[in-house]
Protein backbone atom coordinates (compact mmCIF):
# COMPACT_ATOMS: atom_id res chain seq x y z
CA UNK A 1 0.00 0.00 0.00
CA UNK A 2 2.91 2.42 0.60
CA UNK A 3 3.56 2.86 -3.17
CA UNK A 4 0.07 4.29 -3.42
CA UNK A 5 1.02 7.39 -1.43
CA UNK A 6 4.31 8.32 -3.09
CA UNK A 7 2.78 10.73 -5.61
CA UNK A 8 4.19 14.22 -4.79
CA UNK A 9 4.51 13.20 -1.15
CA UNK A 10 0.89 14.10 -0.51
CA UNK A 11 -0.79 10.78 -1.12
CA UNK A 12 -3.69 9.43 -3.08
CA UNK A 13 -6.55 11.05 -1.19
CA UNK A 14 -9.21 9.15 -3.15
CA UNK A 15 -7.67 5.80 -2.21
CA UNK A 16 -7.50 6.81 1.46
CA UNK A 17 -11.13 7.98 1.32
CA UNK A 18 -12.14 4.60 -0.08
CA UNK A 19 -10.32 2.73 2.70
CA UNK A 20 -11.85 4.94 5.39
CA UNK A 21 -15.33 4.51 3.89
CA UNK A 22 -14.99 0.71 3.86
CA UNK A 23 -14.00 0.79 7.53
CA UNK A 24 -16.80 3.20 8.38
CA UNK A 25 -19.41 0.89 6.83
CA UNK A 26 -17.91 -2.40 7.93
CA UNK A 27 -16.81 -1.51 11.44
CA UNK A 28 -18.86 1.57 12.41
CA UNK A 29 -18.02 1.85 16.09
CA UNK A 30 -16.37 -1.57 16.37
CA UNK A 31 -12.98 -1.53 18.04
CA UNK A 32 -10.57 -4.04 16.51
CA UNK A 33 -7.81 -5.16 18.87
CA UNK A 34 -4.32 -5.02 17.50
CA UNK A 35 -1.10 -3.08 17.19
CA UNK A 36 -0.18 0.51 16.33
CA UNK A 37 3.15 1.19 14.66
CA UNK A 38 4.46 4.70 14.03
CA UNK A 39 7.30 5.17 11.54
CA UNK A 40 8.83 8.26 9.95
CA UNK A 41 6.29 8.02 7.13
CA UNK A 42 3.15 6.15 8.28
CA UNK A 43 0.89 5.17 11.14
CA UNK A 44 0.05 1.49 10.69
CA UNK A 45 -2.88 -0.15 12.49
CA UNK A 46 -2.86 -3.96 12.35
CA UNK A 47 -5.49 -6.32 13.70
CA UNK A 48 -4.42 -9.03 16.13
CA UNK A 49 -4.68 -12.79 15.46
CA UNK A 50 -7.96 -13.18 17.36
CA UNK A 51 -9.68 -10.55 15.24
CA UNK A 52 -8.29 -12.08 12.05
CA UNK A 53 -9.64 -15.48 13.09
CA UNK A 54 -13.20 -14.30 13.69
CA UNK A 55 -13.63 -11.50 11.13
CA UNK A 56 -13.36 -11.20 7.37
CA UNK A 57 -12.03 -8.45 5.17
CA UNK A 58 -9.35 -5.83 5.43
CA UNK A 59 -8.51 -4.98 9.02
CA UNK A 60 -5.28 -3.05 8.55
CA UNK A 61 -4.81 0.65 7.82
CA UNK A 62 -1.63 2.37 6.71
CA UNK A 63 -2.05 6.13 7.01
CA UNK A 64 0.76 8.25 5.53
CA UNK A 65 1.84 10.97 7.97
CA UNK A 66 1.82 13.46 5.09
CA UNK A 67 -1.99 13.14 5.02
CA UNK A 68 -2.51 13.83 8.74
CA UNK A 69 -3.79 17.39 9.25
CA UNK A 70 -4.58 17.28 12.97
CA UNK A 71 -3.79 14.99 15.91
CA UNK A 72 -5.95 15.05 19.02
CA UNK A 73 -6.78 12.98 22.10
CA UNK A 74 -10.38 12.20 23.02
CA UNK A 75 -11.67 10.97 26.36
CA UNK A 76 -12.11 7.40 27.39
CA UNK A 77 -12.83 5.41 30.53
CA UNK A 78 -9.71 3.27 30.92
CA UNK A 79 -7.81 4.27 27.80
CA UNK A 80 -7.99 7.46 25.76
CA UNK A 81 -8.53 7.72 21.99
CA UNK A 82 -6.06 9.15 19.49
CA UNK A 83 -7.79 10.85 16.56
CA UNK A 84 -5.94 11.50 13.30
CA UNK A 85 -7.81 13.88 10.99
CA UNK A 86 -7.15 13.96 7.25
CA UNK A 87 -8.79 15.88 4.41
CA UNK A 88 -11.13 12.92 3.79
CA UNK A 89 -12.03 11.77 7.29
CA UNK A 90 -10.50 10.62 10.53
CA UNK A 91 -8.96 7.49 11.95
CA UNK A 92 -9.31 6.77 15.66
CA UNK A 93 -7.61 4.22 17.85
CA UNK A 94 -7.71 3.56 21.57
CA UNK A 95 -4.50 2.88 23.46
CA UNK A 96 -2.67 3.18 26.74
CA UNK A 97 -0.42 6.25 26.80
CA UNK A 98 -2.59 8.00 24.20
CA UNK A 99 -1.22 11.45 25.03
CA UNK A 100 2.36 10.31 24.46
CA UNK A 101 1.42 8.45 21.26
CA UNK A 102 -0.46 11.51 19.95
CA UNK A 103 2.52 13.73 20.81
CA UNK A 104 4.89 11.39 18.95
CA UNK A 105 2.65 11.33 15.87
CA UNK A 106 2.33 15.11 15.93
CA UNK A 107 6.13 15.50 16.09
CA UNK A 108 6.51 13.01 13.25
CA UNK A 109 3.95 14.86 11.07
CA UNK A 110 5.88 18.10 11.58
CA UNK A 111 9.14 16.32 10.67
CA UNK A 112 7.53 14.87 7.55
CA UNK A 113 6.12 18.27 6.57
CA UNK A 114 9.55 19.86 6.96
CA UNK A 115 11.18 17.22 4.77
CA UNK A 116 8.49 17.58 2.07
CA UNK A 117 8.85 21.38 2.07
CA UNK A 118 12.56 21.19 1.17
C-alpha atoms as a PDB file:
ATOM      1  CA  UNK A   1       0.000   0.000   0.000  1.00  0.00           C
ATOM      2  CA  UNK A   2       2.912   2.424   0.595  1.00  0.00           C
ATOM      3  CA  UNK A   3       3.561   2.863  -3.166  1.00  0.00           C
ATOM      4  CA  UNK A   4       0.069   4.287  -3.416  1.00  0.00           C
ATOM      5  CA  UNK A   5       1.021   7.387  -1.433  1.00  0.00           C
ATOM      6  CA  UNK A   6       4.310   8.323  -3.091  1.00  0.00           C
ATOM      7  CA  UNK A   7       2.783  10.727  -5.608  1.00  0.00           C
ATOM      8  CA  UNK A   8       4.188  14.221  -4.794  1.00  0.00           C
ATOM      9  CA  UNK A   9       4.512  13.202  -1.150  1.00  0.00           C
ATOM     10  CA  UNK A  10       0.891  14.096  -0.510  1.00  0.00           C
ATOM     11  CA  UNK A  11      -0.786  10.780  -1.122  1.00  0.00           C
ATOM     12  CA  UNK A  12      -3.685   9.430  -3.075  1.00  0.00           C
ATOM     13  CA  UNK A  13      -6.552  11.047  -1.185  1.00  0.00           C
ATOM     14  CA  UNK A  14      -9.214   9.152  -3.148  1.00  0.00           C
ATOM     15  CA  UNK A  15      -7.672   5.801  -2.208  1.00  0.00           C
ATOM     16  CA  UNK A  16      -7.503   6.813   1.460  1.00  0.00           C
ATOM     17  CA  UNK A  17     -11.130   7.984   1.323  1.00  0.00           C
ATOM     18  CA  UNK A  18     -12.139   4.597  -0.083  1.00  0.00           C
ATOM     19  CA  UNK A  19     -10.319   2.730   2.698  1.00  0.00           C
ATOM     20  CA  UNK A  20     -11.854   4.944   5.392  1.00  0.00           C
ATOM     21  CA  UNK A  21     -15.327   4.512   3.886  1.00  0.00           C
ATOM     22  CA  UNK A  22     -14.994   0.706   3.860  1.00  0.00           C
ATOM     23  CA  UNK A  23     -13.997   0.790   7.531  1.00  0.00           C
ATOM     24  CA  UNK A  24     -16.796   3.203   8.377  1.00  0.00           C
ATOM     25  CA  UNK A  25     -19.408   0.894   6.835  1.00  0.00           C
ATOM     26  CA  UNK A  26     -17.912  -2.404   7.927  1.00  0.00           C
ATOM     27  CA  UNK A  27     -16.812  -1.508  11.435  1.00  0.00           C
ATOM     28  CA  UNK A  28     -18.862   1.573  12.410  1.00  0.00           C
ATOM     29  CA  UNK A  29     -18.024   1.853  16.085  1.00  0.00           C
ATOM     30  CA  UNK A  30     -16.373  -1.569  16.371  1.00  0.00           C
ATOM     31  CA  UNK A  31     -12.977  -1.533  18.040  1.00  0.00           C
ATOM     32  CA  UNK A  32     -10.571  -4.044  16.508  1.00  0.00           C
ATOM     33  CA  UNK A  33      -7.813  -5.161  18.866  1.00  0.00           C
ATOM     34  CA  UNK A  34      -4.321  -5.017  17.499  1.00  0.00           C
ATOM     35  CA  UNK A  35      -1.097  -3.081  17.193  1.00  0.00           C
ATOM     36  CA  UNK A  36      -0.179   0.515  16.330  1.00  0.00           C
ATOM     37  CA  UNK A  37       3.150   1.188  14.663  1.00  0.00           C
ATOM     38  CA  UNK A  38       4.461   4.700  14.025  1.00  0.00           C
ATOM     39  CA  UNK A  39       7.300   5.166  11.536  1.00  0.00           C
ATOM     40  CA  UNK A  40       8.833   8.258   9.949  1.00  0.00           C
ATOM     41  CA  UNK A  41       6.293   8.020   7.126  1.00  0.00           C
ATOM     42  CA  UNK A  42       3.148   6.153   8.281  1.00  0.00           C
ATOM     43  CA  UNK A  43       0.885   5.171  11.135  1.00  0.00           C
ATOM     44  CA  UNK A  44       0.052   1.490  10.686  1.00  0.00           C
ATOM     45  CA  UNK A  45      -2.885  -0.153  12.489  1.00  0.00           C
ATOM     46  CA  UNK A  46      -2.856  -3.965  12.346  1.00  0.00           C
ATOM     47  CA  UNK A  47      -5.495  -6.323  13.701  1.00  0.00           C
ATOM     48  CA  UNK A  48      -4.420  -9.033  16.132  1.00  0.00           C
ATOM     49  CA  UNK A  49      -4.683 -12.786  15.458  1.00  0.00           C
ATOM     50  CA  UNK A  50      -7.957 -13.183  17.364  1.00  0.00           C
ATOM     51  CA  UNK A  51      -9.685 -10.548  15.239  1.00  0.00           C
ATOM     52  CA  UNK A  52      -8.288 -12.082  12.052  1.00  0.00           C
ATOM     53  CA  UNK A  53      -9.643 -15.482  13.088  1.00  0.00           C
ATOM     54  CA  UNK A  54     -13.203 -14.302  13.689  1.00  0.00           C
ATOM     55  CA  UNK A  55     -13.630 -11.497  11.131  1.00  0.00           C
ATOM     56  CA  UNK A  56     -13.356 -11.200   7.371  1.00  0.00           C
ATOM     57  CA  UNK A  57     -12.034  -8.445   5.167  1.00  0.00           C
ATOM     58  CA  UNK A  58      -9.353  -5.826   5.425  1.00  0.00           C
ATOM     59  CA  UNK A  59      -8.513  -4.977   9.018  1.00  0.00           C
ATOM     60  CA  UNK A  60      -5.282  -3.048   8.546  1.00  0.00           C
ATOM     61  CA  UNK A  61      -4.813   0.652   7.820  1.00  0.00           C
ATOM     62  CA  UNK A  62      -1.631   2.366   6.708  1.00  0.00           C
ATOM     63  CA  UNK A  63      -2.045   6.132   7.014  1.00  0.00           C
ATOM     64  CA  UNK A  64       0.757   8.251   5.535  1.00  0.00           C
ATOM     65  CA  UNK A  65       1.839  10.969   7.974  1.00  0.00           C
ATOM     66  CA  UNK A  66       1.817  13.461   5.092  1.00  0.00           C
ATOM     67  CA  UNK A  67      -1.989  13.139   5.018  1.00  0.00           C
ATOM     68  CA  UNK A  68      -2.513  13.835   8.742  1.00  0.00           C
ATOM     69  CA  UNK A  69      -3.794  17.394   9.252  1.00  0.00           C
ATOM     70  CA  UNK A  70      -4.578  17.279  12.974  1.00  0.00           C
ATOM     71  CA  UNK A  71      -3.787  14.991  15.911  1.00  0.00           C
ATOM     72  CA  UNK A  72      -5.953  15.054  19.023  1.00  0.00           C
ATOM     73  CA  UNK A  73      -6.779  12.984  22.096  1.00  0.00           C
ATOM     74  CA  UNK A  74     -10.376  12.196  23.025  1.00  0.00           C
ATOM     75  CA  UNK A  75     -11.666  10.971  26.363  1.00  0.00           C
ATOM     76  CA  UNK A  76     -12.107   7.401  27.390  1.00  0.00           C
ATOM     77  CA  UNK A  77     -12.827   5.414  30.532  1.00  0.00           C
ATOM     78  CA  UNK A  78      -9.708   3.269  30.917  1.00  0.00           C
ATOM     79  CA  UNK A  79      -7.806   4.270  27.796  1.00  0.00           C
ATOM     80  CA  UNK A  80      -7.986   7.455  25.759  1.00  0.00           C
ATOM     81  CA  UNK A  81      -8.532   7.720  21.993  1.00  0.00           C
ATOM     82  CA  UNK A  82      -6.056   9.148  19.492  1.00  0.00           C
ATOM     83  CA  UNK A  83      -7.786  10.849  16.560  1.00  0.00           C
ATOM     84  CA  UNK A  84      -5.940  11.504  13.301  1.00  0.00           C
ATOM     85  CA  UNK A  85      -7.812  13.880  10.991  1.00  0.00           C
ATOM     86  CA  UNK A  86      -7.151  13.957   7.245  1.00  0.00           C
ATOM     87  CA  UNK A  87      -8.791  15.879   4.409  1.00  0.00           C
ATOM     88  CA  UNK A  88     -11.130  12.920   3.788  1.00  0.00           C
ATOM     89  CA  UNK A  89     -12.025  11.767   7.291  1.00  0.00           C
ATOM     90  CA  UNK A  90     -10.502  10.619  10.525  1.00  0.00           C
ATOM     91  CA  UNK A  91      -8.961   7.487  11.951  1.00  0.00           C
ATOM     92  CA  UNK A  92      -9.308   6.770  15.664  1.00  0.00           C
ATOM     93  CA  UNK A  93      -7.606   4.224  17.849  1.00  0.00           C
ATOM     94  CA  UNK A  94      -7.711   3.559  21.570  1.00  0.00           C
ATOM     95  CA  UNK A  95      -4.504   2.875  23.456  1.00  0.00           C
ATOM     96  CA  UNK A  96      -2.669   3.184  26.736  1.00  0.00           C
ATOM     97  CA  UNK A  97      -0.424   6.249  26.802  1.00  0.00           C
ATOM     98  CA  UNK A  98      -2.591   7.995  24.202  1.00  0.00           C
ATOM     99  CA  UNK A  99      -1.221  11.454  25.028  1.00  0.00           C
ATOM    100  CA  UNK A 100       2.356  10.306  24.464  1.00  0.00           C
ATOM    101  CA  UNK A 101       1.416   8.451  21.260  1.00  0.00           C
ATOM    102  CA  UNK A 102      -0.456  11.512  19.946  1.00  0.00           C
ATOM    103  CA  UNK A 103       2.520  13.733  20.808  1.00  0.00           C
ATOM    104  CA  UNK A 104       4.890  11.386  18.947  1.00  0.00           C
ATOM    105  CA  UNK A 105       2.655  11.325  15.871  1.00  0.00           C
ATOM    106  CA  UNK A 106       2.333  15.112  15.932  1.00  0.00           C
ATOM    107  CA  UNK A 107       6.125  15.499  16.091  1.00  0.00           C
ATOM    108  CA  UNK A 108       6.508  13.012  13.246  1.00  0.00           C
ATOM    109  CA  UNK A 109       3.954  14.855  11.075  1.00  0.00           C
ATOM    110  CA  UNK A 110       5.879  18.097  11.585  1.00  0.00           C
ATOM    111  CA  UNK A 111       9.138  16.322  10.673  1.00  0.00           C
ATOM    112  CA  UNK A 112       7.530  14.871   7.547  1.00  0.00           C
ATOM    113  CA  UNK A 113       6.115  18.269   6.570  1.00  0.00           C
ATOM    114  CA  UNK A 114       9.554  19.863   6.963  1.00  0.00           C
ATOM    115  CA  UNK A 115      11.178  17.220   4.773  1.00  0.00           C
ATOM    116  CA  UNK A 116       8.490  17.580   2.069  1.00  0.00           C
ATOM    117  CA  UNK A 117       8.852  21.378   2.075  1.00  0.00           C
ATOM    118  CA  UNK A 118      12.559  21.194   1.171  1.00  0.00           C
END
